[in-house]
PDB file of N, CA and C in Angstrom:
ATOM      1  N   MET A   1       3.048  10.156  -8.687  1.00  0.00           N
ATOM      2  CA  MET A   1       2.098  10.454  -7.804  1.00  0.00           C
ATOM      3  C   MET A   1       0.910  10.283  -8.512  1.00  0.00           C
ATOM      4  N   LEU A   2      -0.163   9.796  -7.931  1.00  0.00           N
ATOM      5  CA  LEU A   2      -1.543   9.502  -8.331  1.00  0.00           C
ATOM      6  C   LEU A   2      -2.427  10.745  -8.085  1.00  0.00           C
ATOM      7  N   THR A   3      -3.387  10.867  -9.267  1.00  0.00           N
ATOM      8  CA  THR A   3      -4.349  11.589  -9.103  1.00  0.00           C
ATOM      9  C   THR A   3      -5.511  11.198  -8.513  1.00  0.00           C
ATOM     10  N   GLY A   4      -6.429  12.139  -8.271  1.00  0.00           N
ATOM     11  CA  GLY A   4      -7.572  11.723  -7.425  1.00  0.00           C
ATOM     12  C   GLY A   4      -8.610  10.649  -8.278  1.00  0.00           C
ATOM     13  N   LYS A   5      -8.518  10.842  -9.267  1.00  0.00           N
ATOM     14  CA  LYS A   5      -9.231   9.851 -10.109  1.00  0.00           C
ATOM     15  C   LYS A   5      -8.867   8.339 -10.134  1.00  0.00           C
ATOM     16  N   GLN A   6      -7.364   8.304  -9.865  1.00  0.00           N
ATOM     17  CA  GLN A   6      -6.647   7.029 -10.166  1.00  0.00           C
ATOM     18  C   GLN A   6      -6.595   6.556  -8.601  1.00  0.00           C
ATOM     19  N   LYS A   7      -6.640   7.547  -7.720  1.00  0.00           N
ATOM     20  CA  LYS A   7      -6.936   6.644  -6.494  1.00  0.00           C
ATOM     21  C   LYS A   7      -8.192   6.306  -6.063  1.00  0.00           C
ATOM     22  N   ARG A   8      -9.305   7.134  -6.747  1.00  0.00           N
ATOM     23  CA  ARG A   8     -10.855   6.387  -6.481  1.00  0.00           C
ATOM     24  C   ARG A   8     -10.817   5.054  -7.417  1.00  0.00           C
ATOM     25  N   PHE A   9     -10.164   5.107  -8.529  1.00  0.00           N
ATOM     26  CA  PHE A   9      -9.857   3.635  -9.191  1.00  0.00           C
ATOM     27  C   PHE A   9      -9.359   2.495  -8.168  1.00  0.00           C
ATOM     28  N   LEU A  10      -8.236   3.008  -7.737  1.00  0.00           N
ATOM     29  CA  LEU A  10      -7.456   1.822  -6.838  1.00  0.00           C
ATOM     30  C   LEU A  10      -8.536   1.430  -5.821  1.00  0.00           C
ATOM     31  N   ARG A  11      -8.953   2.398  -4.972  1.00  0.00           N
ATOM     32  CA  ARG A  11      -9.945   2.317  -4.028  1.00  0.00           C
ATOM     33  C   ARG A  11     -10.966   1.197  -4.146  1.00  0.00           C
ATOM     34  N   GLY A  12     -11.685   1.417  -5.218  1.00  0.00           N
ATOM     35  CA  GLY A  12     -12.396   0.473  -5.878  1.00  0.00           C
ATOM     36  C   GLY A  12     -12.134  -0.915  -6.076  1.00  0.00           C
ATOM     37  N   LEU A  13     -10.693  -0.896  -6.447  1.00  0.00           N
ATOM     38  CA  LEU A  13     -10.089  -2.452  -6.902  1.00  0.00           C
ATOM     39  C   LEU A  13      -9.846  -2.935  -5.440  1.00  0.00           C
ATOM     40  N   GLY A  14      -9.455  -2.238  -4.512  1.00  0.00           N
ATOM     41  CA  GLY A  14      -8.805  -2.592  -3.145  1.00  0.00           C
ATOM     42  C   GLY A  14      -9.788  -2.994  -2.315  1.00  0.00           C
ATOM     43  N   HIS A  15     -10.920  -2.756  -2.477  1.00  0.00           N
ATOM     44  CA  HIS A  15     -12.123  -2.898  -1.589  1.00  0.00           C
ATOM     45  C   HIS A  15     -12.208  -4.607  -1.279  1.00  0.00           C
ATOM     46  N   ALA A  16     -12.261  -5.376  -2.253  1.00  0.00           N
ATOM     47  CA  ALA A  16     -12.536  -6.551  -2.089  1.00  0.00           C
ATOM     48  C   ALA A  16     -11.341  -7.330  -1.694  1.00  0.00           C
ATOM     49  N   LEU A  17     -10.015  -6.731  -1.358  1.00  0.00           N
ATOM     50  CA  LEU A  17      -8.542  -7.239  -1.181  1.00  0.00           C
ATOM     51  C   LEU A  17      -8.589  -7.794   0.175  1.00  0.00           C
ATOM     52  N   ASN A  18      -7.968  -8.895   0.621  1.00  0.00           N
ATOM     53  CA  ASN A  18      -7.640  -9.165   1.830  1.00  0.00           C
ATOM     54  C   ASN A  18      -6.081  -8.657   2.130  1.00  0.00           C
ATOM     55  N   PRO A  19      -5.736  -8.306   3.419  1.00  0.00           N
ATOM     56  CA  PRO A  19      -4.609  -7.753   3.974  1.00  0.00           C
ATOM     57  C   PRO A  19      -3.333  -9.041   3.495  1.00  0.00           C
ATOM     58  N   VAL A  20      -2.410  -8.506   3.212  1.00  0.00           N
ATOM     59  CA  VAL A  20      -1.208  -9.415   2.561  1.00  0.00           C
ATOM     60  C   VAL A  20      -0.215  -9.018   3.704  1.00  0.00           C
ATOM     61  N   ILE A  21      -0.196  -7.922   4.078  1.00  0.00           N
ATOM     62  CA  ILE A  21       0.948  -7.625   4.977  1.00  0.00           C
ATOM     63  C   ILE A  21       0.057  -6.766   6.259  1.00  0.00           C
ATOM     64  N   THR A  22       0.861  -7.292   7.294  1.00  0.00           N
ATOM     65  CA  THR A  22       0.485  -6.759   8.759  1.00  0.00           C
ATOM     66  C   THR A  22       1.531  -6.408   9.438  1.00  0.00           C
ATOM     67  N   VAL A  23       1.394  -4.946  10.047  1.00  0.00           N
ATOM     68  CA  VAL A  23       2.391  -4.483  10.617  1.00  0.00           C
ATOM     69  C   VAL A  23       1.973  -4.289  12.257  1.00  0.00           C
ATOM     70  N   GLY A  24       2.901  -4.782  12.802  1.00  0.00           N
ATOM     71  CA  GLY A  24       2.780  -5.224  14.120  1.00  0.00           C
ATOM     72  C   GLY A  24       3.414  -4.105  15.358  1.00  0.00           C
ATOM     73  N   LYS A  25       3.723  -4.730  16.407  1.00  0.00           N
ATOM     74  CA  LYS A  25       4.483  -4.031  17.315  1.00  0.00           C
ATOM     75  C   LYS A  25       5.839  -2.937  17.010  1.00  0.00           C
ATOM     76  N   GLY A  26       6.766  -3.828  16.557  1.00  0.00           N
ATOM     77  CA  GLY A  26       7.819  -3.180  15.886  1.00  0.00           C
ATOM     78  C   GLY A  26       7.750  -2.190  15.180  1.00  0.00           C
ATOM     79  N   ASP A  27       8.801  -1.486  14.809  1.00  0.00           N
ATOM     80  CA  ASP A  27       9.086  -0.438  13.803  1.00  0.00           C
ATOM     81  C   ASP A  27       9.156  -1.195  12.214  1.00  0.00           C
ATOM     82  N   ILE A  28       9.078  -0.334  11.337  1.00  0.00           N
ATOM     83  CA  ILE A  28       9.150  -0.592  10.123  1.00  0.00           C
ATOM     84  C   ILE A  28      10.594  -1.059   9.849  1.00  0.00           C
ATOM     85  N   SER A  29      10.499  -2.315   9.947  1.00  0.00           N
ATOM     86  CA  SER A  29      12.080  -3.006   9.725  1.00  0.00           C
ATOM     87  C   SER A  29      12.237  -3.504   8.295  1.00  0.00           C
ATOM     88  N   GLU A  30      13.617  -3.905   7.953  1.00  0.00           N
ATOM     89  CA  GLU A  30      13.949  -4.258   6.875  1.00  0.00           C
ATOM     90  C   GLU A  30      13.124  -5.486   6.134  1.00  0.00           C
ATOM     91  N   SER A  31      13.233  -6.500   7.004  1.00  0.00           N
ATOM     92  CA  SER A  31      12.354  -7.507   6.473  1.00  0.00           C
ATOM     93  C   SER A  31      11.001  -6.947   6.209  1.00  0.00           C
ATOM     94  N   LEU A  32      10.420  -6.222   6.744  1.00  0.00           N
ATOM     95  CA  LEU A  32       8.807  -5.857   6.362  1.00  0.00           C
ATOM     96  C   LEU A  32       8.901  -5.207   5.210  1.00  0.00           C
ATOM     97  N   SER A  33      10.036  -4.265   5.096  1.00  0.00           N
ATOM     98  CA  SER A  33      10.208  -3.482   3.787  1.00  0.00           C
ATOM     99  C   SER A  33      10.001  -4.620   2.517  1.00  0.00           C
ATOM    100  N   ARG A  34      11.267  -5.288   2.721  1.00  0.00           N
ATOM    101  CA  ARG A  34      11.432  -6.489   1.646  1.00  0.00           C
ATOM    102  C   ARG A  34      10.256  -7.222   1.312  1.00  0.00           C
ATOM    103  N   GLU A  35       9.335  -7.352   2.322  1.00  0.00           N
ATOM    104  CA  GLU A  35       8.052  -8.541   2.212  1.00  0.00           C
ATOM    105  C   GLU A  35       7.409  -7.809   1.208  1.00  0.00           C
ATOM    106  N   THR A  36       7.089  -6.411   1.949  1.00  0.00           N
ATOM    107  CA  THR A  36       6.164  -5.377   1.033  1.00  0.00           C
ATOM    108  C   THR A  36       6.565  -5.452  -0.130  1.00  0.00           C
ATOM    109  N   ASP A  37       7.545  -5.116  -0.666  1.00  0.00           N
ATOM    110  CA  ASP A  37       8.183  -4.950  -1.760  1.00  0.00           C
ATOM    111  C   ASP A  37       7.861  -6.059  -2.749  1.00  0.00           C
ATOM    112  N   GLU A  38       8.210  -7.268  -2.129  1.00  0.00           N
ATOM    113  CA  GLU A  38       7.848  -8.762  -3.082  1.00  0.00           C
ATOM    114  C   GLU A  38       6.239  -8.949  -3.161  1.00  0.00           C
ATOM    115  N   ALA A  39       5.606  -8.423  -2.353  1.00  0.00           N
ATOM    116  CA  ALA A  39       3.985  -8.234  -2.561  1.00  0.00           C
ATOM    117  C   ALA A  39       3.711  -7.480  -3.589  1.00  0.00           C
ATOM    118  N   LEU A  40       4.142  -6.308  -3.488  1.00  0.00           N
ATOM    119  CA  LEU A  40       3.874  -5.183  -4.570  1.00  0.00           C
ATOM    120  C   LEU A  40       4.455  -5.545  -5.809  1.00  0.00           C
ATOM    121  N   ALA A  41       5.651  -6.387  -6.086  1.00  0.00           N
ATOM    122  CA  ALA A  41       6.209  -6.747  -7.387  1.00  0.00           C
ATOM    123  C   ALA A  41       5.029  -8.028  -7.717  1.00  0.00           C
ATOM    124  N   HIS A  42       4.479  -8.348  -7.071  1.00  0.00           N
ATOM    125  CA  HIS A  42       3.712  -9.608  -7.311  1.00  0.00           C
ATOM    126  C   HIS A  42       2.328  -9.357  -7.810  1.00  0.00           C
ATOM    127  N   HIS A  43       1.887  -8.458  -7.038  1.00  0.00           N
ATOM    128  CA  HIS A  43       0.352  -7.822  -7.141  1.00  0.00           C
ATOM    129  C   HIS A  43      -0.038  -6.665  -7.431  1.00  0.00           C
ATOM    130  N   GLU A  44       0.869  -5.801  -7.434  1.00  0.00           N
ATOM    131  CA  GLU A  44       0.783  -4.171  -7.687  1.00  0.00           C
ATOM    132  C   GLU A  44      -0.093  -3.424  -6.983  1.00  0.00           C
ATOM    133  N   LEU A  45      -1.247  -3.924  -6.220  1.00  0.00           N
ATOM    134  CA  LEU A  45      -1.854  -3.221  -5.439  1.00  0.00           C
ATOM    135  C   LEU A  45      -2.030  -4.295  -4.063  1.00  0.00           C
ATOM    136  N   ILE A  46      -1.659  -3.874  -2.971  1.00  0.00           N
ATOM    137  CA  ILE A  46      -1.746  -4.512  -1.955  1.00  0.00           C
ATOM    138  C   ILE A  46      -2.548  -3.848  -0.654  1.00  0.00           C
ATOM    139  N   LYS A  47      -3.212  -4.603   0.091  1.00  0.00           N
ATOM    140  CA  LYS A  47      -3.482  -3.925   1.406  1.00  0.00           C
ATOM    141  C   LYS A  47      -2.915  -4.383   2.585  1.00  0.00           C
ATOM    142  N   VAL A  48      -2.853  -3.353   3.369  1.00  0.00           N
ATOM    143  CA  VAL A  48      -1.934  -3.587   4.513  1.00  0.00           C
ATOM    144  C   VAL A  48      -2.691  -3.409   5.805  1.00  0.00           C
ATOM    145  N   LYS A  49      -2.583  -4.087   6.615  1.00  0.00           N
ATOM    146  CA  LYS A  49      -3.255  -4.245   8.158  1.00  0.00           C
ATOM    147  C   LYS A  49      -2.441  -3.819   9.139  1.00  0.00           C
ATOM    148  N   ILE A  50      -2.777  -2.855   9.756  1.00  0.00           N
ATOM    149  CA  ILE A  50      -2.017  -2.076  11.200  1.00  0.00           C
ATOM    150  C   ILE A  50      -2.577  -2.763  12.258  1.00  0.00           C
ATOM    151  N   LEU A  51      -1.980  -3.685  13.014  1.00  0.00           N
ATOM    152  CA  LEU A  51      -2.562  -4.077  14.469  1.00  0.00           C
ATOM    153  C   LEU A  51      -2.744  -3.045  15.413  1.00  0.00           C
ATOM    154  N   GLU A  52      -3.476  -3.254  16.402  1.00  0.00           N
ATOM    155  CA  GLU A  52      -3.746  -2.326  17.563  1.00  0.00           C
ATOM    156  C   GLU A  52      -2.187  -1.980  18.326  1.00  0.00           C
ATOM    157  N   SER A  53      -1.666  -3.171  18.366  1.00  0.00           N
ATOM    158  CA  SER A  53      -0.119  -3.123  19.207  1.00  0.00           C
ATOM    159  C   SER A  53       0.782  -2.064  18.474  1.00  0.00           C
ATOM    160  N   CYS A  54       0.613  -1.998  17.055  1.00  0.00           N
ATOM    161  CA  CYS A  54       1.422  -0.594  16.820  1.00  0.00           C
ATOM    162  C   CYS A  54       1.364   0.578  17.165  1.00  0.00           C
ATOM    163  N   LEU A  55       2.505   1.080  17.743  1.00  0.00           N
ATOM    164  CA  LEU A  55       2.617   2.529  18.533  1.00  0.00           C
ATOM    165  C   LEU A  55       2.331   3.667  17.552  1.00  0.00           C
ATOM    166  N   LEU A  56       3.005   3.389  16.252  1.00  0.00           N
ATOM    167  CA  LEU A  56       2.897   4.387  15.454  1.00  0.00           C
ATOM    168  C   LEU A  56       1.826   4.908  14.706  1.00  0.00           C
ATOM    169  N   ASP A  57       1.735   6.118  14.209  1.00  0.00           N
ATOM    170  CA  ASP A  57       0.616   6.763  13.730  1.00  0.00           C
ATOM    171  C   ASP A  57       0.406   5.886  12.265  1.00  0.00           C
ATOM    172  N   ARG A  58      -0.918   5.666  12.094  1.00  0.00           N
ATOM    173  CA  ARG A  58      -0.937   4.988  10.903  1.00  0.00           C
ATOM    174  C   ARG A  58      -0.784   5.651   9.492  1.00  0.00           C
ATOM    175  N   HIS A  59      -1.043   6.875   9.614  1.00  0.00           N
ATOM    176  CA  HIS A  59      -0.442   8.014   8.492  1.00  0.00           C
ATOM    177  C   HIS A  59       1.175   7.615   8.232  1.00  0.00           C
ATOM    178  N   ASP A  60       1.948   8.053   9.271  1.00  0.00           N
ATOM    179  CA  ASP A  60       3.250   7.683   9.474  1.00  0.00           C
ATOM    180  C   ASP A  60       3.680   6.235   8.956  1.00  0.00           C
ATOM    181  N   VAL A  61       3.134   5.169   9.278  1.00  0.00           N
ATOM    182  CA  VAL A  61       3.469   3.991   9.043  1.00  0.00           C
ATOM    183  C   VAL A  61       3.133   3.583   7.193  1.00  0.00           C
ATOM    184  N   ALA A  62       1.878   4.170   6.773  1.00  0.00           N
ATOM    185  CA  ALA A  62       1.603   4.030   5.349  1.00  0.00           C
ATOM    186  C   ALA A  62       2.851   5.043   4.650  1.00  0.00           C
ATOM    187  N   GLU A  63       2.998   6.144   4.753  1.00  0.00           N
ATOM    188  CA  GLU A  63       4.114   6.840   4.228  1.00  0.00           C
ATOM    189  C   GLU A  63       5.599   6.295   4.286  1.00  0.00           C
ATOM    190  N   GLU A  64       5.753   5.790   5.449  1.00  0.00           N
ATOM    191  CA  GLU A  64       7.504   5.227   5.652  1.00  0.00           C
ATOM    192  C   GLU A  64       7.314   3.925   4.910  1.00  0.00           C
ATOM    193  N   LEU A  65       6.379   3.131   4.722  1.00  0.00           N
ATOM    194  CA  LEU A  65       6.453   1.592   4.042  1.00  0.00           C
ATOM    195  C   LEU A  65       6.465   2.239   2.481  1.00  0.00           C
ATOM    196  N   ALA A  66       5.459   3.323   2.173  1.00  0.00           N
ATOM    197  CA  ALA A  66       5.462   3.586   0.750  1.00  0.00           C
ATOM    198  C   ALA A  66       6.744   4.062   0.331  1.00  0.00           C
ATOM    199  N   ALA A  67       7.611   4.648   1.131  1.00  0.00           N
ATOM    200  CA  ALA A  67       8.781   5.225   0.491  1.00  0.00           C
ATOM    201  C   ALA A  67       9.865   4.187   0.376  1.00  0.00           C
ATOM    202  N   ALA A  68       9.737   3.431   1.414  1.00  0.00           N
ATOM    203  CA  ALA A  68      10.706   2.176   1.438  1.00  0.00           C
ATOM    204  C   ALA A  68      10.590   1.379   0.150  1.00  0.00           C
ATOM    205  N   CYS A  69       9.350   1.251  -0.110  1.00  0.00           N
ATOM    206  CA  CYS A  69       9.487   0.345  -1.598  1.00  0.00           C
ATOM    207  C   CYS A  69       9.058   1.162  -2.908  1.00  0.00           C
ATOM    208  N   GLY A  70       9.194   2.492  -2.604  1.00  0.00           N
ATOM    209  CA  GLY A  70       8.902   3.171  -4.018  1.00  0.00           C
ATOM    210  C   GLY A  70       7.554   3.173  -4.465  1.00  0.00           C
ATOM    211  N   ALA A  71       6.309   3.073  -3.534  1.00  0.00           N
ATOM    212  CA  ALA A  71       4.894   2.697  -3.789  1.00  0.00           C
ATOM    213  C   ALA A  71       4.184   4.489  -3.688  1.00  0.00           C
ATOM    214  N   ASP A  72       3.194   4.341  -3.986  1.00  0.00           N
ATOM    215  CA  ASP A  72       2.211   5.432  -3.625  1.00  0.00           C
ATOM    216  C   ASP A  72       1.082   4.776  -2.715  1.00  0.00           C
ATOM    217  N   VAL A  73       0.777   5.704  -1.824  1.00  0.00           N
ATOM    218  CA  VAL A  73      -0.516   5.311  -0.892  1.00  0.00           C
ATOM    219  C   VAL A  73      -1.685   5.623  -1.445  1.00  0.00           C
ATOM    220  N   ALA A  74      -2.669   4.739  -1.995  1.00  0.00           N
ATOM    221  CA  ALA A  74      -3.876   5.004  -2.562  1.00  0.00           C
ATOM    222  C   ALA A  74      -4.779   5.395  -1.422  1.00  0.00           C
ATOM    223  N   GLN A  75      -4.991   4.932  -0.175  1.00  0.00           N
ATOM    224  CA  GLN A  75      -5.891   4.976   0.593  1.00  0.00           C
ATOM    225  C   GLN A  75      -5.426   4.787   2.015  1.00  0.00           C
ATOM    226  N   VAL A  76      -5.579   5.290   3.052  1.00  0.00           N
ATOM    227  CA  VAL A  76      -5.755   5.125   4.560  1.00  0.00           C
ATOM    228  C   VAL A  76      -7.267   5.404   5.068  1.00  0.00           C
ATOM    229  N   LEU A  77      -7.652   4.062   5.455  1.00  0.00           N
ATOM    230  CA  LEU A  77      -8.896   3.944   6.098  1.00  0.00           C
ATOM    231  C   LEU A  77      -8.971   3.106   7.566  1.00  0.00           C
ATOM    232  N   GLY A  78      -9.088   3.707   8.380  1.00  0.00           N
ATOM    233  CA  GLY A  78      -8.935   3.010   9.639  1.00  0.00           C
ATOM    234  C   GLY A  78      -7.582   2.658  10.059  1.00  0.00           C
ATOM    235  N   ARG A  79      -7.436   1.275  10.573  1.00  0.00           N
ATOM    236  CA  ARG A  79      -6.047   0.642  10.267  1.00  0.00           C
ATOM    237  C   ARG A  79      -5.588   0.146   9.062  1.00  0.00           C
ATOM    238  N   THR A  80      -6.193   0.218   8.075  1.00  0.00           N
ATOM    239  CA  THR A  80      -5.598  -0.629   6.936  1.00  0.00           C
ATOM    240  C   THR A  80      -5.710   0.538   5.853  1.00  0.00           C
ATOM    241  N   PHE A  81      -4.645   0.182   5.091  1.00  0.00           N
ATOM    242  CA  PHE A  81      -4.095   1.097   3.718  1.00  0.00           C
ATOM    243  C   PHE A  81      -3.861   0.590   2.611  1.00  0.00           C
ATOM    244  N   LEU A  82      -3.950   0.866   1.481  1.00  0.00           N
ATOM    245  CA  LEU A  82      -3.743   0.499   0.119  1.00  0.00           C
ATOM    246  C   LEU A  82      -2.254   1.184  -0.414  1.00  0.00           C
ATOM    247  N   LEU A  83      -1.575   0.381  -0.630  1.00  0.00           N
ATOM    248  CA  LEU A  83      -0.355   0.662  -1.703  1.00  0.00           C
ATOM    249  C   LEU A  83      -0.379   0.326  -2.937  1.00  0.00           C
ATOM    250  N   TYR A  84       0.122   1.061  -3.843  1.00  0.00           N
ATOM    251  CA  TYR A  84      -0.006   0.891  -5.348  1.00  0.00           C
ATOM    252  C   TYR A  84       1.345   1.049  -5.851  1.00  0.00           C
ATOM    253  N   ARG A  85       2.146   0.141  -6.701  1.00  0.00           N
ATOM    254  CA  ARG A  85       3.343   0.551  -7.692  1.00  0.00           C
ATOM    255  C   ARG A  85       3.291  -0.552  -8.793  1.00  0.00           C
ATOM    256  N   PRO A  86       3.188   0.405  -9.739  1.00  0.00           N
ATOM    257  CA  PRO A  86       3.114  -0.107 -11.269  1.00  0.00           C
ATOM    258  C   PRO A  86       4.148  -1.497 -11.319  1.00  0.00           C
ATOM    259  N   ALA A  87       3.714  -2.433 -11.838  1.00  0.00           N
ATOM    260  CA  ALA A  87       4.803  -3.508 -12.406  1.00  0.00           C
ATOM    261  C   ALA A  87       5.432  -3.167 -13.581  1.00  0.00           C
ATOM    262  N   LYS A  88       6.584  -3.737 -13.904  1.00  0.00           N
ATOM    263  CA  LYS A  88       7.218  -3.624 -15.141  1.00  0.00           C
ATOM    264  C   LYS A  88       6.301  -4.093 -16.554  1.00  0.00           C
ATOM    265  N   GLU A  89       5.195  -4.836 -16.322  1.00  0.00           N
ATOM    266  CA  GLU A  89       4.456  -5.203 -17.300  1.00  0.00           C
ATOM    267  C   GLU A  89       3.002  -4.955 -16.432  1.00  0.00           C
ATOM    268  N   PRO A  90       2.224  -3.552 -16.474  1.00  0.00           N
ATOM    269  CA  PRO A  90       1.209  -3.209 -15.471  1.00  0.00           C
ATOM    270  C   PRO A  90       0.001  -4.369 -15.801  1.00  0.00           C
ATOM    271  N   LYS A  91      -0.627  -4.957 -14.824  1.00  0.00           N
ATOM    272  CA  LYS A  91      -1.991  -5.467 -15.159  1.00  0.00           C
ATOM    273  C   LYS A  91      -3.318  -4.615 -14.898  1.00  0.00           C
ATOM    274  N   ILE A  92      -2.745  -3.646 -14.252  1.00  0.00           N
ATOM    275  CA  ILE A  92      -3.836  -2.571 -13.924  1.00  0.00           C
ATOM    276  C   ILE A  92      -3.890  -1.402 -14.471  1.00  0.00           C
ATOM    277  N   ALA A  93      -4.772  -0.919 -15.360  1.00  0.00           N
ATOM    278  CA  ALA A  93      -4.649   0.041 -16.418  1.00  0.00           C
ATOM    279  C   ALA A  93      -5.372   1.158 -15.703  1.00  0.00           C
ATOM    280  N   LEU A  94      -4.465   2.151 -15.004  1.00  0.00           N
ATOM    281  CA  LEU A  94      -5.154   3.254 -14.268  1.00  0.00           C
ATOM    282  C   LEU A  94      -5.827   4.312 -15.423  1.00  0.00           C
ATOM    283  N   PRO A  95      -6.863   5.078 -15.099  1.00  0.00           N
ATOM    284  CA  PRO A  95      -7.434   6.001 -15.654  1.00  0.00           C
ATOM    285  C   PRO A  95      -5.907   7.086 -16.130  1.00  0.00           C
ATOM    286  N   ARG A  96      -6.401   7.574 -17.365  1.00  0.00           N
ATOM    287  CA  ARG A  96      -5.167   8.613 -17.618  1.00  0.00           C
ATOM    288  C   ARG A  96      -5.454   9.797 -17.087  1.00  0.00           C
ATOM    289  N   ALA A  97      -4.097  10.377 -16.397  1.00  0.00           N
ATOM    290  CA  ALA A  97      -4.268  11.668 -15.879  1.00  0.00           C
ATOM    291  C   ALA A  97      -3.988  12.532 -16.855  1.00  0.00           C
ATOM    292  N   LYS A  98      -4.696  13.994 -16.674  1.00  0.00           N
ATOM    293  CA  LYS A  98      -5.117  15.006 -17.540  1.00  0.00           C
ATOM    294  C   LYS A  98      -3.809  15.705 -17.594  1.00  0.00           C
TER     295      LYS A  98
END
């Protein structure tokens, strides 16, 4: 679970990122979860874009995808959200939790 300070830090890093994953019309499929898992393993912090054709609520999509990949939701902003999962050898040094 991320603290508020850590989420703010990740939002700052995620601002310049381009979306790596796009969620379309279908539900959260196993292939989408697998692709997200691989992207998180490679990048640690990824931006996900939800298309207009997606019928699910944006917060539900973020939570479901995060749960499927063992990640944390750092931000949900419009139809875009940030997912974070530390790597085995983290590249991103988060602020310490108190």
